[in-house]
N, C-alpha and C. Protein backbone atom coordinates (compact mmCIF):
# COMPACT_ATOMS: atom_id res chain seq x y z
N UNK A 1 0.85 -1.20 0.00
CA UNK A 1 0.00 0.00 0.00
C UNK A 1 0.88 1.25 0.00
N UNK A 2 0.62 2.17 -0.92
CA UNK A 2 1.44 3.37 -1.05
C UNK A 2 1.07 4.42 -0.01
N UNK A 3 2.07 5.24 0.36
CA UNK A 3 1.85 6.38 1.25
C UNK A 3 1.39 7.54 0.38
N UNK A 4 0.22 8.07 0.68
CA UNK A 4 -0.38 9.13 -0.13
C UNK A 4 0.07 10.50 0.39
N UNK A 5 0.72 11.27 -0.48
CA UNK A 5 1.33 12.54 -0.08
C UNK A 5 0.70 13.70 -0.82
N UNK A 6 0.37 14.76 -0.09
CA UNK A 6 -0.18 15.98 -0.67
C UNK A 6 0.83 17.11 -0.48
N UNK A 7 1.04 17.93 -1.51
CA UNK A 7 2.09 18.95 -1.50
C UNK A 7 1.50 20.35 -1.61
N UNK A 8 2.01 21.26 -0.76
CA UNK A 8 1.68 22.68 -0.87
C UNK A 8 2.98 23.46 -1.01
N UNK A 9 3.23 23.98 -2.20
CA UNK A 9 4.48 24.66 -2.53
C UNK A 9 4.21 25.64 -3.66
N UNK A 10 4.53 26.92 -3.46
CA UNK A 10 4.17 27.93 -4.46
C UNK A 10 5.21 28.09 -5.57
N UNK A 11 6.41 27.54 -5.39
CA UNK A 11 7.41 27.60 -6.45
C UNK A 11 7.12 26.49 -7.46
N UNK A 12 6.70 26.84 -8.68
CA UNK A 12 6.27 25.82 -9.65
C UNK A 12 7.34 24.77 -9.94
N UNK A 13 8.59 25.20 -10.09
CA UNK A 13 9.67 24.27 -10.42
C UNK A 13 9.92 23.29 -9.28
N UNK A 14 9.93 23.82 -8.06
CA UNK A 14 10.18 22.95 -6.90
C UNK A 14 8.99 22.03 -6.66
N UNK A 15 7.78 22.56 -6.86
CA UNK A 15 6.57 21.73 -6.70
C UNK A 15 6.58 20.58 -7.71
N UNK A 16 6.97 20.88 -8.94
CA UNK A 16 7.03 19.85 -9.97
C UNK A 16 8.10 18.81 -9.63
N UNK A 17 9.23 19.28 -9.11
CA UNK A 17 10.31 18.36 -8.74
C UNK A 17 9.87 17.43 -7.61
N UNK A 18 9.18 17.98 -6.61
CA UNK A 18 8.67 17.17 -5.50
C UNK A 18 7.65 16.15 -6.00
N UNK A 19 6.77 16.60 -6.86
CA UNK A 19 5.74 15.71 -7.41
C UNK A 19 6.38 14.54 -8.15
N UNK A 20 7.38 14.85 -8.97
CA UNK A 20 8.08 13.81 -9.73
C UNK A 20 8.78 12.84 -8.79
N UNK A 21 9.47 13.40 -7.77
CA UNK A 21 10.20 12.59 -6.80
C UNK A 21 9.28 11.61 -6.09
N UNK A 22 8.14 12.12 -5.62
CA UNK A 22 7.20 11.29 -4.86
C UNK A 22 6.56 10.23 -5.76
N UNK A 23 6.10 10.68 -6.92
CA UNK A 23 5.35 9.79 -7.81
C UNK A 23 6.20 8.63 -8.31
N UNK A 24 7.51 8.88 -8.48
CA UNK A 24 8.37 7.84 -9.05
C UNK A 24 9.27 7.17 -8.02
N UNK A 25 8.89 7.28 -6.74
CA UNK A 25 9.55 6.53 -5.68
C UNK A 25 8.62 5.40 -5.25
N UNK A 26 9.10 4.19 -5.27
CA UNK A 26 8.28 3.04 -4.91
C UNK A 26 7.68 3.21 -3.52
N UNK A 27 6.39 2.91 -3.39
CA UNK A 27 5.73 2.96 -2.10
C UNK A 27 5.10 4.31 -1.78
N UNK A 28 5.15 5.24 -2.73
CA UNK A 28 4.59 6.57 -2.51
C UNK A 28 3.70 6.96 -3.69
N UNK A 29 2.74 7.83 -3.41
CA UNK A 29 1.84 8.31 -4.45
C UNK A 29 1.45 9.75 -4.15
N UNK A 30 1.32 10.58 -5.17
CA UNK A 30 0.93 11.97 -5.00
C UNK A 30 -0.59 12.08 -4.98
N UNK A 31 -1.12 12.64 -3.90
CA UNK A 31 -2.56 12.87 -3.82
C UNK A 31 -2.93 14.12 -4.61
N UNK A 32 -2.06 15.13 -4.51
CA UNK A 32 -2.29 16.39 -5.20
C UNK A 32 -1.16 17.35 -4.87
N UNK A 33 -0.93 18.34 -5.73
CA UNK A 33 0.12 19.33 -5.51
C UNK A 33 -0.45 20.71 -5.85
N UNK A 34 -0.34 21.64 -4.89
CA UNK A 34 -1.01 22.93 -5.03
C UNK A 34 -0.07 24.09 -4.69
N UNK A 35 -0.34 25.25 -5.30
CA UNK A 35 0.52 26.42 -5.10
C UNK A 35 0.06 27.35 -4.00
N UNK A 36 -1.10 27.07 -3.40
CA UNK A 36 -1.59 27.88 -2.28
C UNK A 36 -2.50 27.03 -1.41
N UNK A 37 -2.86 27.59 -0.25
CA UNK A 37 -3.67 26.84 0.72
C UNK A 37 -5.09 27.38 0.87
N UNK A 38 -5.53 28.20 -0.06
CA UNK A 38 -6.85 28.80 0.06
C UNK A 38 -7.96 27.75 0.15
N UNK A 39 -7.77 26.60 -0.53
CA UNK A 39 -8.78 25.55 -0.52
C UNK A 39 -8.27 24.29 0.17
N UNK A 40 -7.28 24.46 1.05
CA UNK A 40 -6.60 23.29 1.63
C UNK A 40 -7.54 22.36 2.38
N UNK A 41 -8.41 22.91 3.22
CA UNK A 41 -9.29 22.04 4.01
C UNK A 41 -10.21 21.21 3.11
N UNK A 42 -10.74 21.83 2.07
CA UNK A 42 -11.59 21.12 1.13
C UNK A 42 -10.80 20.05 0.39
N UNK A 43 -9.57 20.40 0.00
CA UNK A 43 -8.72 19.45 -0.74
C UNK A 43 -8.33 18.26 0.13
N UNK A 44 -7.99 18.53 1.38
CA UNK A 44 -7.60 17.46 2.30
C UNK A 44 -8.79 16.53 2.55
N UNK A 45 -9.96 17.13 2.75
CA UNK A 45 -11.17 16.32 2.99
C UNK A 45 -11.47 15.41 1.79
N UNK A 46 -11.23 15.92 0.60
CA UNK A 46 -11.53 15.16 -0.62
C UNK A 46 -10.48 14.10 -0.91
N UNK A 47 -9.20 14.45 -0.73
CA UNK A 47 -8.11 13.56 -1.14
C UNK A 47 -7.60 12.63 -0.04
N UNK A 48 -7.82 13.01 1.23
CA UNK A 48 -7.45 12.17 2.38
C UNK A 48 -6.01 11.64 2.30
N UNK A 49 -5.02 12.55 2.26
CA UNK A 49 -3.62 12.10 2.21
C UNK A 49 -3.18 11.51 3.54
N UNK A 50 -2.09 10.74 3.51
CA UNK A 50 -1.49 10.23 4.74
C UNK A 50 -0.56 11.28 5.35
N UNK A 51 0.17 11.98 4.47
CA UNK A 51 1.15 12.98 4.89
C UNK A 51 1.03 14.20 3.98
N UNK A 52 1.16 15.39 4.58
CA UNK A 52 1.15 16.63 3.81
C UNK A 52 2.54 17.28 3.91
N UNK A 53 3.11 17.66 2.75
CA UNK A 53 4.33 18.47 2.73
C UNK A 53 3.90 19.92 2.61
N UNK A 54 4.29 20.76 3.58
CA UNK A 54 3.78 22.13 3.64
C UNK A 54 4.90 23.17 3.66
N UNK A 55 4.89 24.05 2.69
CA UNK A 55 5.78 25.21 2.71
C UNK A 55 5.21 26.24 3.67
N UNK A 56 6.01 27.20 4.11
CA UNK A 56 5.51 28.24 5.01
C UNK A 56 5.15 29.50 4.25
N UNK A 57 6.04 29.95 3.38
CA UNK A 57 5.84 31.22 2.68
C UNK A 57 4.95 31.02 1.46
N UNK A 58 3.64 30.96 1.73
CA UNK A 58 2.65 30.75 0.67
C UNK A 58 1.79 31.99 0.51
N UNK A 59 1.24 32.24 -0.69
CA UNK A 59 0.41 33.43 -0.90
C UNK A 59 -0.93 33.33 -0.18
N UNK A 60 -1.46 34.50 0.22
CA UNK A 60 -2.77 34.61 0.86
C UNK A 60 -2.81 34.02 2.27
N UNK A 61 -2.62 32.71 2.39
CA UNK A 61 -2.61 32.04 3.70
C UNK A 61 -1.27 31.34 3.85
N UNK A 62 -0.51 31.71 4.89
CA UNK A 62 0.80 31.07 5.04
C UNK A 62 0.65 29.64 5.56
N UNK A 63 1.73 28.87 5.43
CA UNK A 63 1.68 27.45 5.74
C UNK A 63 1.37 27.15 7.19
N UNK A 64 1.81 28.01 8.11
CA UNK A 64 1.56 27.75 9.53
C UNK A 64 0.08 27.93 9.85
N UNK A 65 -0.51 28.97 9.31
CA UNK A 65 -1.95 29.18 9.51
C UNK A 65 -2.74 28.03 8.91
N UNK A 66 -2.34 27.59 7.71
CA UNK A 66 -3.01 26.46 7.08
C UNK A 66 -2.84 25.20 7.92
N UNK A 67 -1.65 25.04 8.49
CA UNK A 67 -1.37 23.89 9.36
C UNK A 67 -2.35 23.85 10.54
N UNK A 68 -2.56 24.99 11.18
CA UNK A 68 -3.49 25.07 12.31
C UNK A 68 -4.88 24.61 11.89
N UNK A 69 -5.34 25.12 10.75
CA UNK A 69 -6.68 24.77 10.28
C UNK A 69 -6.80 23.29 9.94
N UNK A 70 -5.77 22.75 9.30
CA UNK A 70 -5.80 21.33 8.91
C UNK A 70 -5.78 20.44 10.14
N UNK A 71 -4.93 20.76 11.12
CA UNK A 71 -4.81 19.93 12.32
C UNK A 71 -6.09 19.96 13.15
N UNK A 72 -6.80 21.08 13.11
CA UNK A 72 -8.06 21.18 13.86
C UNK A 72 -9.11 20.26 13.26
N UNK A 73 -9.17 20.20 11.95
CA UNK A 73 -10.19 19.39 11.28
C UNK A 73 -9.76 17.95 11.03
N UNK A 74 -8.44 17.76 10.84
CA UNK A 74 -7.94 16.43 10.49
C UNK A 74 -6.74 16.07 11.38
N UNK A 75 -6.96 15.88 12.67
CA UNK A 75 -5.84 15.63 13.59
C UNK A 75 -5.07 14.35 13.29
N UNK A 76 -5.66 13.44 12.52
CA UNK A 76 -5.01 12.17 12.20
C UNK A 76 -4.04 12.29 11.02
N UNK A 77 -4.05 13.43 10.32
CA UNK A 77 -3.18 13.59 9.15
C UNK A 77 -1.91 14.33 9.55
N UNK A 78 -0.77 13.76 9.23
CA UNK A 78 0.52 14.36 9.59
C UNK A 78 0.92 15.43 8.59
N UNK A 79 1.50 16.52 9.13
CA UNK A 79 1.97 17.62 8.28
C UNK A 79 3.47 17.81 8.51
N UNK A 80 4.24 17.68 7.45
CA UNK A 80 5.69 17.84 7.50
C UNK A 80 6.04 19.15 6.83
N UNK A 81 6.60 20.10 7.60
CA UNK A 81 6.98 21.39 7.04
C UNK A 81 8.24 21.22 6.19
N UNK A 82 8.25 21.84 5.01
CA UNK A 82 9.40 21.82 4.11
C UNK A 82 9.61 23.24 3.63
N UNK A 83 10.62 23.93 4.19
CA UNK A 83 10.74 25.37 4.02
C UNK A 83 12.19 25.82 4.02
N UNK A 84 12.40 27.08 3.66
CA UNK A 84 13.76 27.66 3.72
C UNK A 84 14.02 28.30 5.07
N UNK A 85 12.97 28.50 5.87
CA UNK A 85 13.11 29.23 7.13
C UNK A 85 13.65 28.35 8.25
N UNK A 86 14.71 28.83 8.91
CA UNK A 86 15.27 28.08 10.05
C UNK A 86 15.35 28.93 11.31
N UNK A 87 14.58 30.04 11.35
CA UNK A 87 14.58 30.90 12.54
C UNK A 87 13.71 30.31 13.64
N UNK A 88 14.04 30.64 14.89
CA UNK A 88 13.34 30.09 16.04
C UNK A 88 11.84 30.32 15.98
N UNK A 89 11.43 31.54 15.60
CA UNK A 89 10.01 31.88 15.63
C UNK A 89 9.18 30.91 14.78
N UNK A 90 9.61 30.71 13.54
CA UNK A 90 8.83 29.85 12.65
C UNK A 90 8.95 28.38 13.03
N UNK A 91 10.14 27.97 13.46
CA UNK A 91 10.32 26.58 13.87
C UNK A 91 9.38 26.23 15.02
N UNK A 92 9.44 27.01 16.11
CA UNK A 92 8.66 26.68 17.29
C UNK A 92 7.17 26.94 17.09
N UNK A 93 6.84 27.95 16.28
CA UNK A 93 5.43 28.21 15.99
C UNK A 93 4.84 27.03 15.20
N UNK A 94 5.62 26.47 14.29
CA UNK A 94 5.16 25.32 13.52
C UNK A 94 4.94 24.11 14.42
N UNK A 95 5.89 23.86 15.32
CA UNK A 95 5.77 22.72 16.23
C UNK A 95 4.57 22.89 17.15
N UNK A 96 4.41 24.10 17.68
CA UNK A 96 3.25 24.34 18.56
C UNK A 96 1.94 24.20 17.81
N UNK A 97 1.96 24.52 16.51
CA UNK A 97 0.75 24.45 15.71
C UNK A 97 0.39 23.02 15.32
N UNK A 98 1.33 22.09 15.53
CA UNK A 98 1.03 20.69 15.27
C UNK A 98 1.82 20.02 14.17
N UNK A 99 2.88 20.68 13.67
CA UNK A 99 3.70 20.05 12.64
C UNK A 99 4.32 18.76 13.18
N UNK A 100 4.34 17.73 12.37
CA UNK A 100 4.90 16.45 12.78
C UNK A 100 6.41 16.42 12.57
N UNK A 101 6.92 17.26 11.68
CA UNK A 101 8.35 17.34 11.42
C UNK A 101 8.68 18.65 10.74
N UNK A 102 9.99 18.93 10.60
CA UNK A 102 10.40 20.22 10.04
C UNK A 102 11.70 20.01 9.27
N UNK A 103 11.62 20.14 7.96
CA UNK A 103 12.80 19.98 7.10
C UNK A 103 13.07 21.27 6.34
N UNK A 104 14.36 21.51 6.08
CA UNK A 104 14.75 22.63 5.24
C UNK A 104 14.79 22.18 3.78
N UNK A 105 14.55 23.11 2.87
CA UNK A 105 14.48 22.76 1.45
C UNK A 105 15.82 22.28 0.89
N UNK A 106 16.89 22.58 1.56
CA UNK A 106 18.19 22.10 1.09
C UNK A 106 18.40 20.61 1.41
N UNK A 107 17.44 20.00 2.09
CA UNK A 107 17.50 18.58 2.41
C UNK A 107 17.55 17.76 1.12
N UNK A 108 18.33 16.70 1.10
CA UNK A 108 18.47 15.88 -0.11
C UNK A 108 17.15 15.18 -0.43
N UNK A 109 16.90 14.91 -1.71
CA UNK A 109 15.68 14.20 -2.10
C UNK A 109 15.50 12.87 -1.37
N UNK A 110 16.60 12.13 -1.21
CA UNK A 110 16.51 10.84 -0.52
C UNK A 110 16.06 11.02 0.93
N UNK A 111 16.58 12.05 1.59
CA UNK A 111 16.21 12.30 2.99
C UNK A 111 14.76 12.78 3.10
N UNK A 112 14.29 13.55 2.13
CA UNK A 112 12.90 13.99 2.14
C UNK A 112 11.98 12.78 2.09
N UNK A 113 12.28 11.85 1.22
CA UNK A 113 11.44 10.66 1.11
C UNK A 113 11.54 9.80 2.37
N UNK A 114 12.72 9.69 2.92
CA UNK A 114 12.91 8.94 4.17
C UNK A 114 12.09 9.59 5.29
N UNK A 115 12.10 10.93 5.34
CA UNK A 115 11.37 11.66 6.37
C UNK A 115 9.86 11.45 6.24
N UNK A 116 9.36 11.43 5.01
CA UNK A 116 7.93 11.18 4.80
C UNK A 116 7.54 9.82 5.36
N UNK A 117 8.38 8.82 5.09
CA UNK A 117 8.10 7.48 5.61
C UNK A 117 8.18 7.47 7.14
N UNK A 118 9.16 8.18 7.72
CA UNK A 118 9.29 8.24 9.18
C UNK A 118 8.05 8.85 9.81
N UNK A 119 7.55 9.92 9.20
CA UNK A 119 6.33 10.55 9.70
C UNK A 119 5.18 9.54 9.66
N UNK A 120 5.05 8.84 8.55
CA UNK A 120 3.98 7.86 8.38
C UNK A 120 4.08 6.75 9.42
N UNK A 121 5.32 6.41 9.82
CA UNK A 121 5.54 5.32 10.78
C UNK A 121 5.57 5.80 12.22
N UNK A 122 5.31 7.09 12.45
CA UNK A 122 5.20 7.58 13.82
C UNK A 122 6.33 8.45 14.31
N UNK A 123 7.30 8.76 13.44
CA UNK A 123 8.43 9.59 13.84
C UNK A 123 8.14 11.08 13.68
N UNK A 124 9.12 11.90 14.07
CA UNK A 124 9.00 13.35 13.95
C UNK A 124 10.32 13.89 13.40
N UNK A 125 10.60 13.68 12.11
CA UNK A 125 11.90 14.04 11.54
C UNK A 125 12.14 15.54 11.47
N UNK A 126 13.39 15.91 11.69
CA UNK A 126 13.80 17.31 11.59
C UNK A 126 15.17 17.38 10.94
N UNK A 127 15.42 18.47 10.22
CA UNK A 127 16.77 18.70 9.72
C UNK A 127 17.71 18.81 10.92
N UNK A 128 18.97 18.37 10.79
CA UNK A 128 19.90 18.38 11.93
C UNK A 128 19.99 19.71 12.66
N UNK A 129 20.06 20.81 11.92
CA UNK A 129 20.19 22.13 12.57
C UNK A 129 18.93 22.49 13.35
N UNK A 130 17.78 22.05 12.86
CA UNK A 130 16.51 22.31 13.54
C UNK A 130 16.43 21.46 14.81
N UNK A 131 16.81 20.18 14.69
CA UNK A 131 16.80 19.30 15.85
C UNK A 131 17.71 19.82 16.95
N UNK A 132 18.88 20.34 16.58
CA UNK A 132 19.80 20.91 17.57
C UNK A 132 19.16 22.10 18.28
N UNK A 133 18.47 22.93 17.50
CA UNK A 133 17.82 24.10 18.09
C UNK A 133 16.73 23.70 19.08
N UNK A 134 15.97 22.68 18.70
CA UNK A 134 14.91 22.18 19.58
C UNK A 134 15.52 21.63 20.87
N UNK A 135 16.59 20.84 20.73
CA UNK A 135 17.25 20.26 21.88
C UNK A 135 17.83 21.33 22.80
N UNK A 136 18.43 22.36 22.22
CA UNK A 136 18.99 23.45 23.02
C UNK A 136 17.90 24.16 23.81
N UNK A 137 16.75 24.33 23.17
CA UNK A 137 15.63 24.95 23.87
C UNK A 137 15.16 24.09 25.02
N UNK A 138 15.13 22.77 24.82
CA UNK A 138 14.72 21.85 25.88
C UNK A 138 15.71 21.91 27.04
N UNK A 139 16.99 22.00 26.73
CA UNK A 139 18.02 22.03 27.78
C UNK A 139 17.97 23.31 28.59
N UNK A 140 17.51 24.38 27.96
CA UNK A 140 17.44 25.67 28.66
C UNK A 140 16.28 25.73 29.64
N UNK A 141 15.34 24.79 29.51
CA UNK A 141 14.11 24.87 30.31
C UNK A 141 13.96 23.62 31.16
N UNK A 142 14.32 23.67 32.42
CA UNK A 142 14.20 22.49 33.27
C UNK A 142 12.76 22.05 33.41
N UNK A 143 12.58 20.73 33.51
CA UNK A 143 11.23 20.19 33.58
C UNK A 143 10.51 20.55 34.87
N UNK A 144 9.24 20.84 34.77
CA UNK A 144 8.41 21.14 35.93
C UNK A 144 7.04 20.50 35.72
N UNK A 145 6.27 20.44 36.78
CA UNK A 145 4.89 19.97 36.66
C UNK A 145 4.82 18.56 36.11
N UNK A 146 3.98 18.37 35.10
CA UNK A 146 3.78 17.05 34.51
C UNK A 146 5.07 16.45 33.97
N UNK A 147 5.96 17.31 33.47
CA UNK A 147 7.21 16.83 32.89
C UNK A 147 8.07 16.12 33.92
N UNK A 148 7.97 16.55 35.15
CA UNK A 148 8.77 15.95 36.22
C UNK A 148 8.33 14.52 36.52
N UNK A 149 7.16 14.13 36.03
CA UNK A 149 6.66 12.78 36.29
C UNK A 149 7.27 11.74 35.35
N UNK A 150 7.94 12.19 34.29
CA UNK A 150 8.51 11.25 33.34
C UNK A 150 9.69 10.49 33.96
N UNK A 151 9.76 9.21 33.66
CA UNK A 151 10.89 8.42 34.13
C UNK A 151 12.10 8.71 33.25
N UNK A 152 13.26 8.22 33.65
CA UNK A 152 14.48 8.42 32.86
C UNK A 152 14.32 7.81 31.47
N UNK A 153 13.73 6.63 31.40
CA UNK A 153 13.52 5.96 30.10
C UNK A 153 12.55 6.76 29.24
N UNK A 154 11.47 7.25 29.83
CA UNK A 154 10.48 8.03 29.07
C UNK A 154 11.10 9.31 28.54
N UNK A 155 11.95 9.94 29.36
CA UNK A 155 12.63 11.16 28.92
C UNK A 155 13.58 10.85 27.78
N UNK A 156 14.28 9.72 27.86
CA UNK A 156 15.20 9.30 26.80
C UNK A 156 14.44 9.08 25.49
N UNK A 157 13.31 8.41 25.58
CA UNK A 157 12.51 8.14 24.39
C UNK A 157 11.98 9.43 23.78
N UNK A 158 11.49 10.33 24.60
CA UNK A 158 10.98 11.61 24.10
C UNK A 158 12.11 12.41 23.45
N UNK A 159 13.30 12.34 24.04
CA UNK A 159 14.46 13.04 23.47
C UNK A 159 14.79 12.49 22.09
N UNK A 160 14.78 11.17 21.94
CA UNK A 160 15.07 10.55 20.64
C UNK A 160 14.00 10.91 19.61
N UNK A 161 12.75 10.89 20.02
CA UNK A 161 11.67 11.25 19.11
C UNK A 161 11.78 12.70 18.67
N UNK A 162 12.20 13.57 19.58
CA UNK A 162 12.32 14.99 19.25
C UNK A 162 13.44 15.25 18.25
N UNK A 163 14.36 14.28 18.13
CA UNK A 163 15.45 14.40 17.17
C UNK A 163 15.12 13.72 15.84
N UNK A 164 13.85 13.35 15.69
CA UNK A 164 13.39 12.84 14.41
C UNK A 164 13.46 11.34 14.25
N UNK A 165 13.70 10.61 15.34
CA UNK A 165 13.79 9.16 15.25
C UNK A 165 12.40 8.53 15.13
N UNK A 166 12.29 7.51 14.32
CA UNK A 166 11.03 6.75 14.22
C UNK A 166 10.94 5.78 15.39
N UNK A 167 9.78 5.18 15.59
CA UNK A 167 9.62 4.21 16.67
C UNK A 167 10.63 3.07 16.51
N UNK A 168 10.82 2.62 15.26
CA UNK A 168 11.75 1.52 15.00
C UNK A 168 13.18 1.92 15.38
N UNK A 169 13.58 3.16 15.07
CA UNK A 169 14.92 3.62 15.39
C UNK A 169 15.10 3.78 16.90
N UNK A 170 14.06 4.25 17.57
CA UNK A 170 14.11 4.39 19.03
C UNK A 170 14.29 3.01 19.67
N UNK A 171 13.54 2.04 19.18
CA UNK A 171 13.64 0.68 19.71
C UNK A 171 15.06 0.14 19.55
N UNK A 172 15.65 0.39 18.38
CA UNK A 172 17.00 -0.09 18.10
C UNK A 172 18.03 0.56 19.02
N UNK A 173 17.92 1.88 19.20
CA UNK A 173 18.91 2.61 19.99
C UNK A 173 18.79 2.34 21.49
N UNK A 174 17.59 2.02 21.95
CA UNK A 174 17.40 1.78 23.39
C UNK A 174 17.42 0.30 23.75
N UNK A 175 17.44 -0.56 22.72
CA UNK A 175 17.51 -1.99 22.99
C UNK A 175 16.22 -2.60 23.49
N UNK A 176 15.09 -1.98 23.14
CA UNK A 176 13.79 -2.52 23.55
C UNK A 176 12.94 -2.75 22.30
N UNK A 177 11.81 -3.43 22.46
CA UNK A 177 10.96 -3.72 21.31
C UNK A 177 10.11 -2.51 20.95
N UNK A 178 9.59 -2.52 19.71
CA UNK A 178 8.73 -1.42 19.26
C UNK A 178 7.48 -1.35 20.13
N UNK A 179 6.95 -2.51 20.53
CA UNK A 179 5.76 -2.51 21.38
C UNK A 179 6.05 -1.88 22.74
N UNK A 180 7.26 -2.11 23.27
CA UNK A 180 7.63 -1.48 24.54
C UNK A 180 7.77 0.03 24.35
N UNK A 181 8.30 0.44 23.21
CA UNK A 181 8.38 1.88 22.90
C UNK A 181 6.98 2.48 22.89
N UNK A 182 6.05 1.80 22.24
CA UNK A 182 4.67 2.29 22.18
C UNK A 182 4.06 2.39 23.58
N UNK A 183 4.38 1.43 24.44
CA UNK A 183 3.86 1.46 25.81
C UNK A 183 4.40 2.68 26.55
N UNK A 184 5.71 2.94 26.41
CA UNK A 184 6.31 4.11 27.05
C UNK A 184 5.68 5.41 26.52
N UNK A 185 5.47 5.45 25.21
CA UNK A 185 4.90 6.66 24.60
C UNK A 185 3.47 6.89 25.10
N UNK A 186 2.72 5.81 25.25
CA UNK A 186 1.36 5.93 25.79
C UNK A 186 1.40 6.54 27.19
N UNK A 187 2.37 6.10 28.01
CA UNK A 187 2.51 6.65 29.36
C UNK A 187 2.93 8.11 29.33
N UNK A 188 3.81 8.46 28.37
CA UNK A 188 4.21 9.86 28.22
C UNK A 188 2.99 10.72 27.91
N UNK A 189 2.16 10.24 26.97
CA UNK A 189 0.96 10.97 26.61
C UNK A 189 0.06 11.18 27.83
N UNK A 190 -0.10 10.13 28.63
CA UNK A 190 -0.97 10.22 29.81
C UNK A 190 -0.42 11.22 30.82
N UNK A 191 0.89 11.20 31.04
CA UNK A 191 1.50 12.09 32.04
C UNK A 191 1.50 13.55 31.58
N UNK A 192 1.68 13.76 30.27
CA UNK A 192 1.75 15.12 29.76
C UNK A 192 0.40 15.63 29.26
N UNK A 193 -0.60 14.74 29.28
CA UNK A 193 -1.96 15.09 28.83
C UNK A 193 -1.93 15.55 27.37
N UNK A 194 -1.27 14.77 26.52
CA UNK A 194 -1.19 15.08 25.09
C UNK A 194 -1.62 13.84 24.31
N UNK A 195 -1.68 14.01 22.96
CA UNK A 195 -2.17 12.92 22.12
C UNK A 195 -1.26 12.62 20.94
N UNK A 196 -0.08 13.27 20.88
CA UNK A 196 0.82 13.03 19.77
C UNK A 196 2.26 13.36 20.18
N UNK A 197 3.22 12.86 19.37
CA UNK A 197 4.63 13.16 19.61
C UNK A 197 4.86 14.67 19.53
N UNK A 198 4.25 15.30 18.54
CA UNK A 198 4.44 16.73 18.36
C UNK A 198 3.96 17.51 19.58
N UNK A 199 2.82 17.13 20.12
CA UNK A 199 2.30 17.81 21.31
C UNK A 199 3.23 17.61 22.50
N UNK A 200 3.82 16.42 22.62
CA UNK A 200 4.74 16.15 23.72
C UNK A 200 5.98 17.05 23.61
N UNK A 201 6.52 17.15 22.40
CA UNK A 201 7.69 18.02 22.17
C UNK A 201 7.32 19.47 22.44
N UNK A 202 6.14 19.86 21.97
CA UNK A 202 5.67 21.23 22.17
C UNK A 202 5.56 21.56 23.66
N UNK A 203 5.15 20.57 24.46
CA UNK A 203 5.02 20.80 25.90
C UNK A 203 6.39 21.13 26.49
N UNK A 204 7.43 20.48 25.99
CA UNK A 204 8.78 20.82 26.44
C UNK A 204 9.13 22.25 26.05
N UNK A 205 8.78 22.63 24.81
CA UNK A 205 9.19 23.94 24.30
C UNK A 205 8.46 25.09 24.95
N UNK A 206 7.25 24.86 25.41
CA UNK A 206 6.43 25.96 25.92
C UNK A 206 6.29 25.97 27.44
N UNK A 207 6.99 25.08 28.14
CA UNK A 207 6.82 25.04 29.59
C UNK A 207 7.50 26.23 30.25
């Protein structure tokens, strides 16, 4: 079964390149590719993609605002930001708005496709420089409240997920099974009162 991907990118050449890359990579299919988000909610409802690739600097409605609207109506659909912006404001605003991952456009085609699959499998991929920024922000803010309830293992797992690791990669690095990872993540959700990896990371960033 192919992973259905929807693209929002206003640069025609880059949008065409992404469409070609997705369509001709085994295991992936393009649901649709659009230059703006004015009709995004209608398009998502009609096409039901598994993953959305979202630019930020879009005409009329920017990608972050569109992200908020999509996540409100379709919380089960993952949105992966793909943009040139690497400033703190846009990075953290995107994460707080519900982005599942954040990649820079200079990311290699192979890594973009790998990241789409990671998102589909439960990961939260980020470009290395973005992941470092997120981690630095987490280190600057000591845990309080609900965050203090996390065990050392749960904190380790959340840290790995925040660096873009998929469940499978987390299991490999920690030496536990994927099912055990899922059990830990369920407990993290309960303790932090969240429902997704992105929300858990956001709780770290906004505490």
